[in-house]
Amino acid sequence: PNRERFQLHALYCLDLQSPVRLCAIAIVESKIFQGIVTFVIFLSTLILAFNDPLKSMYFPVSSTTNFEASDIVNLACTMFFVIELLLKIIAHGLILGGKTYLADGWNVLDALLILFSLLNIFIAGGIARVNALRCLRAIRILKAIRFFPSLRVVVDLMAHSSILLFYVFVLIFSVTLLVTVIFNQIFS
């Protein structure tokens, strides 16, 4: 493995020559694995788009098979993402160092999405469904951005320009408020 891209030690016990870590690095760096991850991301998003959580409330008998099928696919996708997370933590390390898993903001987003998906599975496993956590599953599509570098650049530019856009909105609001006060004083 490229020593410049990975920490010397991961999780305090796996150095760059460890067979477990070498295997994890080979899997994580594989184009096939990245393609499978992208496919699972799009599959998860597609299943979420076709899932109707209100259908089970209005048609409880006829919709149980579709609803359970989407839950099974969601569980399978979440377990795949947990395995991906573990492989990346073994390959890169978790926290300490500049090249670890949590040193990259996109990986932090991935970890939060996986946490929300696990919370959705465990909390919504009972009778009541937690719709707010189900909505957060839609953000999974953002995981695909890391595999498309040009799209990642566009998203980063949009994030940086949104701060400037906020100042534009403040300026427009201020001018609108000023004109409103002036016209109110003149015509009242």
Protein backbone atom coordinates (compact mmCIF):
# COMPACT_ATOMS: atom_id res chain seq x y z
CA PRO A 1 0.00 0.00 0.00
CA ASN A 2 0.94 3.61 -0.54
CA ARG A 3 2.42 4.82 2.74
CA GLU A 4 1.43 8.40 1.96
CA ARG A 5 -2.30 7.55 1.90
CA PHE A 6 -2.47 5.40 5.05
CA GLN A 7 -1.47 5.74 8.68
CA LEU A 8 1.43 3.58 9.84
CA HIS A 9 -0.83 1.99 12.45
CA ALA A 10 -4.59 1.56 12.50
CA LEU A 11 -6.51 1.01 15.71
CA TYR A 12 -3.19 0.90 17.64
CA CYS A 13 -2.55 -2.72 16.66
CA LEU A 14 -2.56 -3.09 12.87
CA ASP A 15 0.53 -1.89 11.05
CA LEU A 16 0.88 -1.60 7.27
CA GLN A 17 2.23 -5.16 7.02
CA SER A 18 -0.63 -6.81 8.91
CA PRO A 19 -2.45 -9.33 6.68
CA VAL A 20 -5.86 -8.22 7.96
CA ARG A 21 -5.10 -4.59 7.18
CA LEU A 22 -3.55 -5.40 3.80
CA CYS A 23 -6.71 -7.31 2.89
CA ALA A 24 -8.92 -4.43 4.03
CA ILE A 25 -6.82 -1.94 2.04
CA ALA A 26 -7.00 -4.12 -1.07
CA ILE A 27 -10.79 -4.39 -0.79
CA VAL A 28 -11.36 -0.68 -0.05
CA GLU A 29 -9.09 0.48 -2.86
CA SER A 30 -10.60 -1.94 -5.39
CA LYS A 31 -12.57 -0.37 -8.27
CA ILE A 32 -14.95 -3.35 -8.13
CA PHE A 33 -15.72 -2.65 -4.46
CA GLN A 34 -16.28 1.04 -5.20
CA GLY A 35 -18.64 0.07 -8.03
CA ILE A 36 -20.58 -2.25 -5.72
CA VAL A 37 -20.82 0.51 -3.11
CA THR A 38 -22.17 2.91 -5.74
CA PHE A 39 -24.70 0.31 -6.90
CA VAL A 40 -25.91 -0.32 -3.33
CA ILE A 41 -26.24 3.43 -2.77
CA PHE A 42 -28.42 3.82 -5.85
CA LEU A 43 -30.40 0.67 -5.00
CA SER A 44 -31.07 1.97 -1.50
CA THR A 45 -32.17 5.34 -2.86
CA LEU A 46 -34.40 3.70 -5.47
CA ILE A 47 -36.09 1.48 -2.86
CA LEU A 48 -36.62 4.52 -0.65
CA ALA A 49 -38.16 6.44 -3.56
CA PHE A 50 -40.69 3.68 -4.23
CA ASN A 51 -41.46 3.05 -0.56
CA ASP A 52 -44.71 4.55 0.68
CA PRO A 53 -44.77 4.62 4.50
CA LEU A 54 -48.38 5.86 4.56
CA LYS A 55 -49.55 2.88 2.51
CA SER A 56 -49.25 0.52 5.47
CA MET A 57 -51.38 2.88 7.55
CA TYR A 58 -54.27 2.96 5.05
CA PHE A 59 -53.94 -0.54 3.53
CA PRO A 60 -52.40 -2.67 6.27
CA VAL A 61 -53.31 -6.08 4.81
CA SER A 62 -52.38 -5.62 1.15
CA SER A 63 -49.15 -3.70 1.67
CA THR A 64 -47.36 -5.89 4.20
CA THR A 65 -45.34 -7.83 1.62
CA ASN A 66 -44.11 -4.71 -0.19
CA PHE A 67 -43.35 -2.93 3.06
CA GLU A 68 -41.47 -5.91 4.46
CA ALA A 69 -39.53 -6.31 1.22
CA SER A 70 -38.37 -2.70 1.37
CA ASP A 71 -37.42 -3.17 5.02
CA ILE A 72 -35.36 -6.24 4.12
CA VAL A 73 -33.57 -4.35 1.32
CA ASN A 74 -32.96 -1.44 3.69
CA LEU A 75 -31.53 -3.81 6.30
CA ALA A 76 -29.28 -5.48 3.70
CA CYS A 77 -28.04 -2.10 2.43
CA THR A 78 -27.40 -0.88 5.97
CA MET A 79 -25.46 -4.04 6.84
CA PHE A 80 -23.41 -3.62 3.66
CA PHE A 81 -22.63 -0.01 4.65
CA VAL A 82 -21.63 -1.17 8.16
CA ILE A 83 -19.22 -3.69 6.59
CA GLU A 84 -17.86 -0.92 4.34
CA LEU A 85 -17.39 1.31 7.40
CA LEU A 86 -15.52 -1.43 9.30
CA LEU A 87 -13.28 -2.20 6.33
CA LYS A 88 -12.40 1.48 5.94
CA ILE A 89 -11.69 1.85 9.64
CA ILE A 90 -9.39 -1.18 9.51
CA ALA A 91 -7.68 0.18 6.39
CA HIS A 92 -7.30 3.82 7.46
CA GLY A 93 -7.59 3.85 11.24
CA LEU A 94 -10.35 5.62 13.14
CA ILE A 95 -9.41 8.94 14.72
CA LEU A 96 -5.80 9.76 15.48
CA GLY A 97 -3.84 11.05 12.51
CA GLY A 98 -4.37 13.08 9.37
CA LYS A 99 -5.15 10.12 7.12
CA THR A 100 -7.68 8.31 9.29
CA TYR A 101 -11.31 7.56 8.50
CA LEU A 102 -12.78 10.42 10.52
CA ALA A 103 -10.22 12.95 9.23
CA ASP A 104 -12.25 13.21 5.99
CA GLY A 105 -15.51 15.12 6.22
CA TRP A 106 -17.21 12.87 3.66
CA ASN A 107 -16.43 9.83 5.82
CA VAL A 108 -17.91 11.60 8.84
CA LEU A 109 -21.10 12.09 6.80
CA ASP A 110 -21.03 8.39 5.87
CA ALA A 111 -20.64 7.37 9.51
CA LEU A 112 -23.54 9.60 10.58
CA LEU A 113 -25.75 8.19 7.83
CA ILE A 114 -24.94 4.67 8.93
CA LEU A 115 -25.68 5.61 12.55
CA PHE A 116 -29.06 7.09 11.54
CA SER A 117 -29.85 3.99 9.48
CA LEU A 118 -29.05 1.73 12.43
CA LEU A 119 -31.17 3.90 14.71
CA ASN A 120 -34.00 3.68 12.18
CA ILE A 121 -33.76 -0.11 12.13
CA PHE A 122 -33.62 -0.54 15.91
CA ILE A 123 -36.12 2.16 16.88
CA ALA A 124 -38.57 1.51 14.04
CA GLY A 125 -38.38 -2.24 14.56
CA GLY A 126 -41.37 -2.05 16.87
CA ILE A 127 -44.90 -0.98 16.09
CA ALA A 128 -44.29 2.74 15.57
CA ARG A 129 -42.25 3.89 12.61
CA VAL A 130 -39.95 6.86 13.03
CA ASN A 131 -40.53 8.91 9.89
CA ALA A 132 -37.88 11.54 10.63
CA LEU A 133 -35.15 8.89 10.67
CA ARG A 134 -36.58 7.33 7.51
CA CYS A 135 -36.27 10.70 5.77
CA LEU A 136 -32.58 10.82 6.66
CA ARG A 137 -32.06 7.69 4.55
CA ALA A 138 -32.60 9.88 1.49
CA ILE A 139 -29.28 11.57 2.24
CA ARG A 140 -27.52 8.28 1.41
CA ILE A 141 -27.27 9.44 -2.19
CA LEU A 142 -24.64 11.92 -0.99
CA LYS A 143 -22.37 8.94 -0.32
CA ALA A 144 -22.08 8.49 -4.08
CA ILE A 145 -20.48 11.91 -4.46
CA ARG A 146 -17.12 10.61 -3.28
CA PHE A 147 -16.87 8.29 -6.27
CA PHE A 148 -17.38 11.12 -8.78
CA PRO A 149 -14.55 13.65 -8.32
CA SER A 150 -16.04 16.28 -10.66
CA LEU A 151 -19.36 16.15 -8.80
CA ARG A 152 -17.49 16.44 -5.52
CA VAL A 153 -15.82 19.64 -6.76
CA VAL A 154 -19.23 21.07 -7.73
CA VAL A 155 -20.73 20.25 -4.32
CA ASP A 156 -17.73 21.76 -2.52
CA LEU A 157 -18.05 24.93 -4.62
CA MET A 158 -21.77 25.12 -3.88
CA ALA A 159 -21.07 24.77 -0.16
CA HIS A 160 -18.49 27.58 -0.26
CA SER A 161 -20.69 29.83 -2.40
CA SER A 162 -23.68 29.32 -0.11
CA ILE A 163 -21.96 31.47 2.49
CA LEU A 164 -21.63 34.28 -0.04
CA LEU A 165 -25.21 33.69 -1.13
CA PHE A 166 -26.30 34.26 2.47
CA TYR A 167 -24.71 37.73 2.33
CA VAL A 168 -26.58 38.45 -0.91
CA PHE A 169 -29.87 37.51 0.77
CA VAL A 170 -29.05 39.76 3.73
CA LEU A 171 -28.34 42.63 1.33
CA ILE A 172 -31.59 42.06 -0.61
CA PHE A 173 -33.56 41.85 2.64
CA SER A 174 -31.96 45.05 3.92
CA VAL A 175 -32.69 46.96 0.70
CA THR A 176 -36.27 45.64 0.65
CA LEU A 177 -36.74 46.67 4.27
CA LEU A 178 -35.28 50.11 3.59
CA VAL A 179 -37.54 50.68 0.55
CA THR A 180 -40.56 49.47 2.52
CA VAL A 181 -39.84 51.89 5.37
CA ILE A 182 -39.29 54.79 2.94
CA PHE A 183 -42.51 54.09 1.01
CA ASN A 184 -44.39 53.61 4.26
CA GLN A 185 -43.23 57.05 5.47
CA ILE A 186 -43.98 58.76 2.16
CA PHE A 187 -47.41 57.27 1.43
CA SER A 188 -48.87 56.88 4.93
